[in-house]
Amino acid sequence: MNWITNYVRPKINSMLGRREVPENLWIKCPETGEMVFHRDLEENKWVIPASGFHMKMPAKARLKDLFDDGVYEALPQPKVAQDPLKFRDSKKYVDRLRDSRIKTDLEDTIVAGVGRCRGVKLVGVVHEFNFMGGSLGMAAGEAIIKAFERAIAEKCPLVIFPASGGARMQEGILSLMQLPRTTVAVQMLKEAGLPYIVVLTNPTTGGVTASYAMLGDLHLAEPGAEICFAGKRVIEQTIREKLPEGFQTSEYLMEHGMIDMVVKRHDIPDTLARVLKILMKKPVDAAKLNGSTAVAAMPMAASA
């Protein structure tokens, strides 16, 4: 026991009326170094007010922001085998799962729900990056497939927000098998004539990019998001060349025709609702449509 830290300092602080300040009370902007009070950041949807930098947004908070009044029906997490390969590196896989569950209060990386976005019924699926880097394992794959099945049963669109480092290495080939499984689920939704929209967030990489994250009818992305299969450093080491500035960012990919729109986080629910109404041939508010640069860019993206 450290007597000074554990006894003397609390006594002095209590006498002087001081309070210990949590380390995460202030958050530093990665671009400008500006310190932002955590409550202000939450109220601004985890976007730095001055710089506009889009921080990672918790999955449950994103679903609440997506659905009207934050009301939605949460889809249950399917049960799958835990640690089927008995994997261990510097730590047991079961211990990593336990730690991530304590940290995020989630069973796995996928959170899904059914609700209405500006009156449009849809199924929303979100990756929680804080759960093992949003990696795609059996539980995540099964949750995504169940979400697609629910969208087909409800006859409504599905919108997914990927944020992932790729396949989950601790599950080996069983993780990689989720790529074709989720791809089949996407195809089932399309065969049912229902829209599938992907909103790419930072980061979307690896096997997730190689499967369902690039199979949408329309691809939106948040500003500055890193979107790729292999990382920039790996590519540079392989081809022995310097890559362009901003390579693999959402803006760069839009310029080169890989995604359709870059949309600020605050505008995503409205943009999704307008786009889905167009795709489902429902009435759209003409005034809002004319004021939307994102939707106005759709025909150009589609014809490219």
C-alpha atoms as a PDB file:
ATOM      1  CA  MET A   1       0.000   0.000   0.000  1.00  0.00           C
ATOM      2  CA  ASN A   2       1.244   3.467  -0.908  1.00  0.00           C
ATOM      3  CA  TRP A   3       0.489   5.419   2.285  1.00  0.00           C
ATOM      4  CA  ILE A   4       0.927   8.883   0.744  1.00  0.00           C
ATOM      5  CA  THR A   5      -1.274   8.154  -2.318  1.00  0.00           C
ATOM      6  CA  ASN A   6      -3.966   6.149  -0.578  1.00  0.00           C
ATOM      7  CA  TYR A   7      -4.257   8.034   2.706  1.00  0.00           C
ATOM      8  CA  VAL A   8      -2.479  11.385   2.848  1.00  0.00           C
ATOM      9  CA  ARG A   9      -3.568  12.786  -0.550  1.00  0.00           C
ATOM     10  CA  PRO A  10      -7.315  11.957  -0.092  1.00  0.00           C
ATOM     11  CA  LYS A  11      -7.171  13.585   3.370  1.00  0.00           C
ATOM     12  CA  ILE A  12      -5.611  16.790   1.977  1.00  0.00           C
ATOM     13  CA  ASN A  13      -8.054  16.880  -0.957  1.00  0.00           C
ATOM     14  CA  SER A  14     -11.051  16.470   1.352  1.00  0.00           C
ATOM     15  CA  MET A  15      -9.776  19.272   3.610  1.00  0.00           C
ATOM     16  CA  LEU A  16      -9.262  21.622   0.641  1.00  0.00           C
ATOM     17  CA  GLY A  17     -12.465  20.588  -1.113  1.00  0.00           C
ATOM     18  CA  ARG A  18     -10.652  19.133  -4.130  1.00  0.00           C
ATOM     19  CA  ARG A  19     -12.079  16.335  -6.250  1.00  0.00           C
ATOM     20  CA  GLU A  20     -10.251  13.786  -8.329  1.00  0.00           C
ATOM     21  CA  VAL A  21     -10.880  14.417 -12.072  1.00  0.00           C
ATOM     22  CA  PRO A  22     -11.409  11.339 -14.286  1.00  0.00           C
ATOM     23  CA  GLU A  23      -8.759  10.957 -16.979  1.00  0.00           C
ATOM     24  CA  ASN A  24     -11.361  10.741 -19.784  1.00  0.00           C
ATOM     25  CA  LEU A  25     -13.227  13.923 -18.798  1.00  0.00           C
ATOM     26  CA  TRP A  26     -11.481  15.797 -21.607  1.00  0.00           C
ATOM     27  CA  ILE A  27     -10.858  14.346 -25.062  1.00  0.00           C
ATOM     28  CA  LYS A  28      -8.115  15.503 -27.416  1.00  0.00           C
ATOM     29  CA  CYS A  29      -8.866  16.162 -31.088  1.00  0.00           C
ATOM     30  CA  PRO A  30      -6.479  13.989 -33.184  1.00  0.00           C
ATOM     31  CA  GLU A  31      -6.231  16.709 -35.848  1.00  0.00           C
ATOM     32  CA  THR A  32      -5.828  19.969 -33.924  1.00  0.00           C
ATOM     33  CA  GLY A  33      -4.962  18.873 -30.397  1.00  0.00           C
ATOM     34  CA  GLU A  34      -7.956  20.811 -29.058  1.00  0.00           C
ATOM     35  CA  MET A  35      -9.299  19.538 -25.727  1.00  0.00           C
ATOM     36  CA  VAL A  36     -13.074  18.965 -25.741  1.00  0.00           C
ATOM     37  CA  PHE A  37     -15.233  18.275 -22.691  1.00  0.00           C
ATOM     38  CA  HIS A  38     -16.661  14.766 -23.044  1.00  0.00           C
ATOM     39  CA  ARG A  39     -20.253  15.867 -22.464  1.00  0.00           C
ATOM     40  CA  ASP A  40     -19.994  18.498 -25.219  1.00  0.00           C
ATOM     41  CA  LEU A  41     -18.578  15.847 -27.534  1.00  0.00           C
ATOM     42  CA  GLU A  42     -21.454  13.460 -26.806  1.00  0.00           C
ATOM     43  CA  GLU A  43     -24.029  16.179 -27.388  1.00  0.00           C
ATOM     44  CA  ASN A  44     -22.387  16.900 -30.753  1.00  0.00           C
ATOM     45  CA  LYS A  45     -22.594  13.220 -31.799  1.00  0.00           C
ATOM     46  CA  TRP A  46     -18.889  12.624 -31.121  1.00  0.00           C
ATOM     47  CA  VAL A  47     -17.844  15.214 -33.704  1.00  0.00           C
ATOM     48  CA  ILE A  48     -15.222  17.764 -32.580  1.00  0.00           C
ATOM     49  CA  PRO A  49     -17.113  21.101 -32.776  1.00  0.00           C
ATOM     50  CA  ALA A  50     -14.235  23.282 -34.046  1.00  0.00           C
ATOM     51  CA  SER A  51     -12.434  20.955 -36.461  1.00  0.00           C
ATOM     52  CA  GLY A  52     -15.350  18.731 -37.504  1.00  0.00           C
ATOM     53  CA  PHE A  53     -13.232  15.615 -36.879  1.00  0.00           C
ATOM     54  CA  HIS A  54     -15.462  12.535 -36.583  1.00  0.00           C
ATOM     55  CA  MET A  55     -14.504  10.492 -33.531  1.00  0.00           C
ATOM     56  CA  LYS A  56     -15.633   6.877 -33.163  1.00  0.00           C
ATOM     57  CA  MET A  57     -19.256   6.735 -32.039  1.00  0.00           C
ATOM     58  CA  PRO A  58     -20.514   3.982 -29.685  1.00  0.00           C
ATOM     59  CA  ALA A  59     -22.785   1.483 -31.445  1.00  0.00           C
ATOM     60  CA  LYS A  60     -25.802   1.937 -29.167  1.00  0.00           C
ATOM     61  CA  ALA A  61     -25.528   5.724 -29.422  1.00  0.00           C
ATOM     62  CA  ARG A  62     -25.450   5.456 -33.209  1.00  0.00           C
ATOM     63  CA  LEU A  63     -28.620   3.370 -33.265  1.00  0.00           C
ATOM     64  CA  LYS A  64     -30.378   5.888 -31.014  1.00  0.00           C
ATOM     65  CA  ASP A  65     -29.280   8.685 -33.323  1.00  0.00           C
ATOM     66  CA  LEU A  66     -30.461   6.762 -36.394  1.00  0.00           C
ATOM     67  CA  PHE A  67     -33.969   5.967 -35.183  1.00  0.00           C
ATOM     68  CA  ASP A  68     -36.694   8.518 -34.478  1.00  0.00           C
ATOM     69  CA  ASP A  69     -36.679   9.623 -30.813  1.00  0.00           C
ATOM     70  CA  GLY A  70     -34.034   6.940 -30.178  1.00  0.00           C
ATOM     71  CA  VAL A  71     -36.766   4.276 -30.105  1.00  0.00           C
ATOM     72  CA  TYR A  72     -36.115   0.865 -31.663  1.00  0.00           C
ATOM     73  CA  GLU A  73     -36.502  -2.856 -31.054  1.00  0.00           C
ATOM     74  CA  ALA A  74     -33.112  -4.377 -30.257  1.00  0.00           C
ATOM     75  CA  LEU A  75     -32.430  -7.640 -32.068  1.00  0.00           C
ATOM     76  CA  PRO A  76     -31.134 -10.471 -29.847  1.00  0.00           C
ATOM     77  CA  GLN A  77     -27.553 -11.662 -30.123  1.00  0.00           C
ATOM     78  CA  PRO A  78     -27.495 -15.213 -31.575  1.00  0.00           C
ATOM     79  CA  LYS A  79     -25.721 -17.875 -29.535  1.00  0.00           C
ATOM     80  CA  VAL A  80     -22.631 -19.425 -31.101  1.00  0.00           C
ATOM     81  CA  ALA A  81     -19.756 -21.604 -29.941  1.00  0.00           C
ATOM     82  CA  GLN A  82     -17.258 -19.747 -27.746  1.00  0.00           C
ATOM     83  CA  ASP A  83     -13.568 -20.177 -28.581  1.00  0.00           C
ATOM     84  CA  PRO A  84     -14.047 -23.211 -30.893  1.00  0.00           C
ATOM     85  CA  LEU A  85     -10.299 -23.359 -31.686  1.00  0.00           C
ATOM     86  CA  LYS A  86      -9.143 -22.965 -28.055  1.00  0.00           C
ATOM     87  CA  PHE A  87      -7.010 -20.103 -29.311  1.00  0.00           C
ATOM     88  CA  ARG A  88      -4.314 -18.454 -27.269  1.00  0.00           C
ATOM     89  CA  ASP A  89      -1.658 -15.855 -28.095  1.00  0.00           C
ATOM     90  CA  SER A  90      -0.393 -13.539 -25.353  1.00  0.00           C
ATOM     91  CA  LYS A  91      -3.808 -14.062 -23.732  1.00  0.00           C
ATOM     92  CA  LYS A  92      -6.568 -16.660 -23.978  1.00  0.00           C
ATOM     93  CA  TYR A  93      -9.314 -15.811 -26.457  1.00  0.00           C
ATOM     94  CA  VAL A  94     -11.974 -16.432 -23.803  1.00  0.00           C
ATOM     95  CA  ASP A  95     -10.242 -13.841 -21.606  1.00  0.00           C
ATOM     96  CA  ARG A  96     -10.242 -11.302 -24.458  1.00  0.00           C
ATOM     97  CA  LEU A  97     -13.955 -11.898 -24.965  1.00  0.00           C
ATOM     98  CA  ARG A  98     -14.626 -11.458 -21.260  1.00  0.00           C
ATOM     99  CA  ASP A  99     -12.628  -8.221 -21.110  1.00  0.00           C
ATOM    100  CA  SER A 100     -14.409  -6.790 -24.171  1.00  0.00           C
ATOM    101  CA  ARG A 101     -17.813  -7.696 -22.743  1.00  0.00           C
ATOM    102  CA  ILE A 102     -17.001  -5.929 -19.499  1.00  0.00           C
ATOM    103  CA  LYS A 103     -15.636  -2.900 -21.379  1.00  0.00           C
ATOM    104  CA  THR A 104     -18.577  -2.485 -23.791  1.00  0.00           C
ATOM    105  CA  ASP A 105     -21.470  -4.204 -21.992  1.00  0.00           C
ATOM    106  CA  LEU A 106     -22.134  -6.096 -25.250  1.00  0.00           C
ATOM    107  CA  GLU A 107     -22.083  -9.790 -26.135  1.00  0.00           C
ATOM    108  CA  ASP A 108     -20.121  -9.170 -29.326  1.00  0.00           C
ATOM    109  CA  THR A 109     -19.304  -6.495 -31.858  1.00  0.00           C
ATOM    110  CA  ILE A 110     -22.668  -6.275 -33.676  1.00  0.00           C
ATOM    111  CA  VAL A 111     -25.629  -4.267 -32.386  1.00  0.00           C
ATOM    112  CA  ALA A 112     -28.821  -4.324 -34.457  1.00  0.00           C
ATOM    113  CA  GLY A 113     -32.334  -2.988 -34.182  1.00  0.00           C
ATOM    114  CA  VAL A 114     -35.607  -2.342 -36.030  1.00  0.00           C
ATOM    115  CA  GLY A 115     -37.200   1.086 -35.999  1.00  0.00           C
ATOM    116  CA  ARG A 116     -38.103   4.129 -38.054  1.00  0.00           C
ATOM    117  CA  CYS A 117     -35.717   6.722 -39.452  1.00  0.00           C
ATOM    118  CA  ARG A 118     -37.650   9.890 -40.313  1.00  0.00           C
ATOM    119  CA  GLY A 119     -40.699   7.683 -40.665  1.00  0.00           C
ATOM    120  CA  VAL A 120     -39.006   5.046 -42.853  1.00  0.00           C
ATOM    121  CA  LYS A 121     -38.994   1.584 -41.303  1.00  0.00           C
ATOM    122  CA  LEU A 122     -35.613  -0.132 -41.524  1.00  0.00           C
ATOM    123  CA  VAL A 123     -33.209  -2.537 -39.851  1.00  0.00           C
ATOM    124  CA  GLY A 124     -30.045  -0.858 -38.583  1.00  0.00           C
ATOM    125  CA  VAL A 125     -26.803  -2.783 -37.976  1.00  0.00           C
ATOM    126  CA  VAL A 126     -23.748  -1.227 -36.295  1.00  0.00           C
ATOM    127  CA  HIS A 127     -20.233  -2.461 -35.505  1.00  0.00           C
ATOM    128  CA  GLU A 128     -18.876  -1.610 -32.052  1.00  0.00           C
ATOM    129  CA  PHE A 129     -15.186  -0.943 -32.705  1.00  0.00           C
ATOM    130  CA  ASN A 130     -14.334  -1.045 -28.993  1.00  0.00           C
ATOM    131  CA  PHE A 131     -15.212  -4.754 -28.970  1.00  0.00           C
ATOM    132  CA  MET A 132     -11.996  -6.337 -30.281  1.00  0.00           C
ATOM    133  CA  GLY A 133     -11.662  -3.763 -33.037  1.00  0.00           C
ATOM    134  CA  GLY A 134     -15.103  -4.535 -34.455  1.00  0.00           C
ATOM    135  CA  SER A 135     -13.660  -7.771 -35.835  1.00  0.00           C
ATOM    136  CA  LEU A 136     -15.854 -10.204 -37.731  1.00  0.00           C
ATOM    137  CA  GLY A 137     -16.239 -13.554 -36.003  1.00  0.00           C
ATOM    138  CA  MET A 138     -18.948 -16.217 -35.858  1.00  0.00           C
ATOM    139  CA  ALA A 139     -21.142 -14.259 -33.446  1.00  0.00           C
ATOM    140  CA  ALA A 140     -20.909 -11.093 -35.542  1.00  0.00           C
ATOM    141  CA  GLY A 141     -21.555 -12.984 -38.781  1.00  0.00           C
ATOM    142  CA  GLU A 142     -24.590 -14.737 -37.338  1.00  0.00           C
ATOM    143  CA  ALA A 143     -25.969 -11.450 -35.960  1.00  0.00           C
ATOM    144  CA  ILE A 144     -25.618  -9.781 -39.375  1.00  0.00           C
ATOM    145  CA  ILE A 145     -27.355 -12.694 -41.127  1.00  0.00           C
ATOM    146  CA  LYS A 146     -30.233 -12.638 -38.616  1.00  0.00           C
ATOM    147  CA  ALA A 147     -30.578  -8.884 -39.214  1.00  0.00           C
ATOM    148  CA  PHE A 148     -30.877  -9.472 -42.972  1.00  0.00           C
ATOM    149  CA  GLU A 149     -33.460 -12.205 -42.357  1.00  0.00           C
ATOM    150  CA  ARG A 150     -35.443  -9.811 -40.149  1.00  0.00           C
ATOM    151  CA  ALA A 151     -35.341  -7.114 -42.835  1.00  0.00           C
ATOM    152  CA  ILE A 152     -36.688  -9.592 -45.390  1.00  0.00           C
ATOM    153  CA  ALA A 153     -39.439 -10.702 -42.991  1.00  0.00           C
ATOM    154  CA  GLU A 154     -40.372  -7.059 -42.274  1.00  0.00           C
ATOM    155  CA  LYS A 155     -40.110  -6.152 -45.986  1.00  0.00           C
ATOM    156  CA  CYS A 156     -37.950  -3.159 -45.131  1.00  0.00           C
ATOM    157  CA  PRO A 157     -34.452  -1.867 -46.064  1.00  0.00           C
ATOM    158  CA  LEU A 158     -31.277  -2.604 -44.142  1.00  0.00           C
ATOM    159  CA  VAL A 159     -28.620  -0.019 -43.308  1.00  0.00           C
ATOM    160  CA  ILE A 160     -25.260  -1.098 -41.925  1.00  0.00           C
ATOM    161  CA  PHE A 161     -22.486   0.969 -40.300  1.00  0.00           C
ATOM    162  CA  PRO A 162     -19.207  -0.999 -40.545  1.00  0.00           C
ATOM    163  CA  ALA A 163     -16.269  -0.109 -38.293  1.00  0.00           C
ATOM    164  CA  SER A 164     -13.842  -2.999 -38.253  1.00  0.00           C
ATOM    165  CA  GLY A 165     -10.275  -4.165 -38.431  1.00  0.00           C
ATOM    166  CA  GLY A 166     -11.409  -7.195 -40.459  1.00  0.00           C
ATOM    167  CA  ALA A 167     -11.777 -10.891 -39.722  1.00  0.00           C
ATOM    168  CA  ARG A 168     -11.190 -12.129 -36.163  1.00  0.00           C
ATOM    169  CA  MET A 169      -7.886 -13.995 -36.192  1.00  0.00           C
ATOM    170  CA  GLN A 170      -8.717 -15.952 -33.024  1.00  0.00           C
ATOM    171  CA  GLU A 171     -11.391 -17.871 -34.952  1.00  0.00           C
ATOM    172  CA  GLY A 172      -9.287 -18.630 -38.030  1.00  0.00           C
ATOM    173  CA  ILE A 173     -11.136 -20.180 -40.981  1.00  0.00           C
ATOM    174  CA  LEU A 174     -14.427 -20.009 -39.074  1.00  0.00           C
ATOM    175  CA  SER A 175     -14.125 -16.223 -39.140  1.00  0.00           C
ATOM    176  CA  LEU A 176     -13.285 -16.179 -42.851  1.00  0.00           C
ATOM    177  CA  MET A 177     -16.375 -18.272 -43.587  1.00  0.00           C
ATOM    178  CA  GLN A 178     -18.496 -15.323 -42.433  1.00  0.00           C
ATOM    179  CA  LEU A 179     -17.477 -13.448 -45.598  1.00  0.00           C
ATOM    180  CA  PRO A 180     -19.399 -15.740 -48.022  1.00  0.00           C
ATOM    181  CA  ARG A 181     -22.224 -16.247 -45.499  1.00  0.00           C
ATOM    182  CA  THR A 182     -22.892 -12.523 -45.149  1.00  0.00           C
ATOM    183  CA  THR A 183     -22.530 -12.098 -48.914  1.00  0.00           C
ATOM    184  CA  VAL A 184     -25.314 -14.638 -49.422  1.00  0.00           C
ATOM    185  CA  ALA A 185     -27.471 -12.706 -46.936  1.00  0.00           C
ATOM    186  CA  VAL A 186     -26.935  -9.520 -48.967  1.00  0.00           C
ATOM    187  CA  GLN A 187     -28.012 -11.339 -52.109  1.00  0.00           C
ATOM    188  CA  MET A 188     -31.151 -12.636 -50.378  1.00  0.00           C
ATOM    189  CA  LEU A 189     -32.155  -9.069 -49.482  1.00  0.00           C
ATOM    190  CA  LYS A 190     -31.572  -7.890 -53.053  1.00  0.00           C
ATOM    191  CA  GLU A 191     -33.586 -10.778 -54.467  1.00  0.00           C
ATOM    192  CA  ALA A 192     -36.429  -9.651 -52.201  1.00  0.00           C
ATOM    193  CA  GLY A 193     -36.250  -6.250 -53.908  1.00  0.00           C
ATOM    194  CA  LEU A 194     -35.248  -4.393 -50.747  1.00  0.00           C
ATOM    195  CA  PRO A 195     -32.594  -1.639 -50.544  1.00  0.00           C
ATOM    196  CA  TYR A 196     -29.268  -2.242 -48.826  1.00  0.00           C
ATOM    197  CA  ILE A 197     -27.246   0.836 -47.868  1.00  0.00           C
ATOM    198  CA  VAL A 198     -23.758   0.885 -46.354  1.00  0.00           C
ATOM    199  CA  VAL A 199     -22.521   3.843 -44.291  1.00  0.00           C
ATOM    200  CA  LEU A 200     -18.755   3.423 -44.072  1.00  0.00           C
ATOM    201  CA  THR A 201     -17.176   4.722 -40.858  1.00  0.00           C
ATOM    202  CA  ASN A 202     -13.633   4.946 -39.555  1.00  0.00           C
ATOM    203  CA  PRO A 203     -12.031   2.458 -39.961  1.00  0.00           C
ATOM    204  CA  THR A 204     -13.500  -0.123 -42.359  1.00  0.00           C
ATOM    205  CA  THR A 205     -10.782  -2.574 -43.375  1.00  0.00           C
ATOM    206  CA  GLY A 206      -9.824  -6.168 -44.129  1.00  0.00           C
ATOM    207  CA  GLY A 207     -12.357  -8.926 -44.647  1.00  0.00           C
ATOM    208  CA  VAL A 208     -15.308  -6.660 -43.835  1.00  0.00           C
ATOM    209  CA  THR A 209     -14.365  -4.415 -46.777  1.00  0.00           C
ATOM    210  CA  ALA A 210     -13.899  -7.568 -48.868  1.00  0.00           C
ATOM    211  CA  SER A 211     -17.485  -8.698 -48.249  1.00  0.00           C
ATOM    212  CA  TYR A 212     -20.730  -6.997 -47.192  1.00  0.00           C
ATOM    213  CA  ALA A 213     -19.253  -3.497 -46.711  1.00  0.00           C
ATOM    214  CA  MET A 214     -18.773  -3.074 -50.466  1.00  0.00           C
ATOM    215  CA  LEU A 215     -21.966  -4.739 -51.716  1.00  0.00           C
ATOM    216  CA  GLY A 216     -24.489  -1.993 -50.995  1.00  0.00           C
ATOM    217  CA  ASP A 217     -26.899  -0.487 -53.477  1.00  0.00           C
ATOM    218  CA  LEU A 218     -25.467   2.809 -52.276  1.00  0.00           C
ATOM    219  CA  HIS A 219     -22.306   3.585 -50.313  1.00  0.00           C
ATOM    220  CA  LEU A 220     -22.155   6.564 -47.978  1.00  0.00           C
ATOM    221  CA  ALA A 221     -19.113   7.417 -45.866  1.00  0.00           C
ATOM    222  CA  GLU A 222     -18.337   9.745 -42.992  1.00  0.00           C
ATOM    223  CA  PRO A 223     -15.696  12.457 -43.600  1.00  0.00           C
ATOM    224  CA  GLY A 224     -12.111  11.328 -43.178  1.00  0.00           C
ATOM    225  CA  ALA A 225     -12.946   7.646 -42.709  1.00  0.00           C
ATOM    226  CA  GLU A 226     -10.222   5.132 -43.533  1.00  0.00           C
ATOM    227  CA  ILE A 227     -11.633   2.566 -45.966  1.00  0.00           C
ATOM    228  CA  CYS A 228      -9.409  -0.158 -47.375  1.00  0.00           C
ATOM    229  CA  PHE A 229      -8.503  -3.841 -47.504  1.00  0.00           C
ATOM    230  CA  ALA A 230      -4.770  -3.660 -46.748  1.00  0.00           C
ATOM    231  CA  GLY A 231      -3.310  -0.740 -44.839  1.00  0.00           C
ATOM    232  CA  LYS A 232      -1.295   2.047 -46.446  1.00  0.00           C
ATOM    233  CA  ARG A 233       1.970   1.005 -44.797  1.00  0.00           C
ATOM    234  CA  VAL A 234       1.603  -2.607 -45.998  1.00  0.00           C
ATOM    235  CA  ILE A 235       0.945  -1.474 -49.576  1.00  0.00           C
ATOM    236  CA  GLU A 236       3.904   0.933 -49.577  1.00  0.00           C
ATOM    237  CA  GLN A 237       6.229  -1.794 -48.316  1.00  0.00           C
ATOM    238  CA  THR A 238       4.943  -4.191 -50.970  1.00  0.00           C
ATOM    239  CA  ILE A 239       5.101  -1.937 -54.041  1.00  0.00           C
ATOM    240  CA  ARG A 240       8.033   0.151 -52.690  1.00  0.00           C
ATOM    241  CA  GLU A 241       6.359   3.414 -53.656  1.00  0.00           C
ATOM    242  CA  LYS A 242       4.912   6.377 -51.769  1.00  0.00           C
ATOM    243  CA  LEU A 243       1.125   6.519 -51.963  1.00  0.00           C
ATOM    244  CA  PRO A 244      -0.808   9.779 -52.585  1.00  0.00           C
ATOM    245  CA  GLU A 245      -1.801  12.066 -49.724  1.00  0.00           C
ATOM    246  CA  GLY A 246      -5.200  11.131 -48.308  1.00  0.00           C
ATOM    247  CA  PHE A 247      -5.055   7.687 -49.938  1.00  0.00           C
ATOM    248  CA  GLN A 248      -7.829   5.372 -48.617  1.00  0.00           C
ATOM    249  CA  THR A 249      -9.842   8.205 -47.066  1.00  0.00           C
ATOM    250  CA  SER A 250     -13.524   8.515 -47.883  1.00  0.00           C
ATOM    251  CA  GLU A 251     -12.921  11.730 -49.866  1.00  0.00           C
ATOM    252  CA  TYR A 252     -10.214  10.074 -52.001  1.00  0.00           C
ATOM    253  CA  LEU A 253     -12.427   7.054 -52.672  1.00  0.00           C
ATOM    254  CA  MET A 254     -15.341   9.250 -53.689  1.00  0.00           C
ATOM    255  CA  GLU A 255     -13.151  11.150 -56.146  1.00  0.00           C
ATOM    256  CA  HIS A 256     -12.133   7.812 -57.679  1.00  0.00           C
ATOM    257  CA  GLY A 257     -15.661   6.392 -57.894  1.00  0.00           C
ATOM    258  CA  MET A 258     -15.524   3.779 -55.148  1.00  0.00           C
ATOM    259  CA  ILE A 259     -18.184   5.347 -52.920  1.00  0.00           C
ATOM    260  CA  ASP A 260     -21.211   7.495 -53.770  1.00  0.00           C
ATOM    261  CA  MET A 261     -21.374  10.187 -51.079  1.00  0.00           C
ATOM    262  CA  VAL A 262     -19.442  11.651 -48.172  1.00  0.00           C
ATOM    263  CA  VAL A 263     -22.018  12.726 -45.579  1.00  0.00           C
ATOM    264  CA  LYS A 264     -21.451  14.460 -42.250  1.00  0.00           C
ATOM    265  CA  ARG A 265     -22.705  12.515 -39.242  1.00  0.00           C
ATOM    266  CA  HIS A 266     -25.367  15.073 -38.381  1.00  0.00           C
ATOM    267  CA  ASP A 267     -26.876  14.706 -41.868  1.00  0.00           C
ATOM    268  CA  ILE A 268     -26.877  10.910 -42.086  1.00  0.00           C
ATOM    269  CA  PRO A 269     -30.434  10.161 -40.794  1.00  0.00           C
ATOM    270  CA  ASP A 270     -32.044  12.745 -43.112  1.00  0.00           C
ATOM    271  CA  THR A 271     -29.946  11.615 -46.079  1.00  0.00           C
ATOM    272  CA  LEU A 272     -30.764   7.960 -45.481  1.00  0.00           C
ATOM    273  CA  ALA A 273     -34.487   8.683 -45.217  1.00  0.00           C
ATOM    274  CA  ARG A 274     -34.536  10.658 -48.489  1.00  0.00           C
ATOM    275  CA  VAL A 275     -32.481   8.070 -50.350  1.00  0.00           C
ATOM    276  CA  LEU A 276     -34.611   5.172 -49.092  1.00  0.00           C
ATOM    277  CA  LYS A 277     -37.816   6.945 -50.090  1.00  0.00           C
ATOM    278  CA  ILE A 278     -36.409   7.367 -53.594  1.00  0.00           C
ATOM    279  CA  LEU A 279     -35.332   3.726 -53.820  1.00  0.00           C
ATOM    280  CA  MET A 280     -38.675   2.495 -52.475  1.00  0.00           C
ATOM    281  CA  LYS A 281     -40.669   4.924 -54.676  1.00  0.00           C
ATOM    282  CA  LYS A 282     -42.242   6.751 -51.753  1.00  0.00           C
ATOM    283  CA  PRO A 283     -43.116  10.487 -51.649  1.00  0.00           C
ATOM    284  CA  VAL A 284     -40.150  12.739 -50.920  1.00  0.00           C
ATOM    285  CA  ASP A 285     -40.229  16.293 -49.577  1.00  0.00           C
ATOM    286  CA  ALA A 286     -39.188  18.226 -52.698  1.00  0.00           C
ATOM    287  CA  ALA A 287     -37.911  21.225 -50.698  1.00  0.00           C
ATOM    288  CA  LYS A 288     -35.589  19.017 -48.653  1.00  0.00           C
ATOM    289  CA  LEU A 289     -34.494  17.106 -51.743  1.00  0.00           C
ATOM    290  CA  ASN A 290     -33.525  20.308 -53.579  1.00  0.00           C
ATOM    291  CA  GLY A 291     -31.514  21.448 -50.564  1.00  0.00           C
ATOM    292  CA  SER A 292     -29.552  18.210 -50.332  1.00  0.00           C
ATOM    293  CA  THR A 293     -26.209  18.213 -52.131  1.00  0.00           C
ATOM    294  CA  ALA A 294     -25.707  14.578 -51.133  1.00  0.00           C
ATOM    295  CA  VAL A 295     -28.832  13.290 -52.847  1.00  0.00           C
ATOM    296  CA  ALA A 296     -28.263  15.619 -55.791  1.00  0.00           C
ATOM    297  CA  ALA A 297     -24.979  13.781 -56.379  1.00  0.00           C
ATOM    298  CA  MET A 298     -26.729  10.418 -56.673  1.00  0.00           C
ATOM    299  CA  PRO A 299     -27.456  10.430 -60.431  1.00  0.00           C
ATOM    300  CA  MET A 300     -23.832  11.368 -61.169  1.00  0.00           C
ATOM    301  CA  ALA A 301     -22.560   8.554 -58.949  1.00  0.00           C
ATOM    302  CA  ALA A 302     -24.988   6.079 -60.469  1.00  0.00           C
ATOM    303  CA  SER A 303     -24.047   6.983 -64.029  1.00  0.00           C
ATOM    304  CA  ALA A 304     -20.302   6.876 -63.365  1.00  0.00           C
END
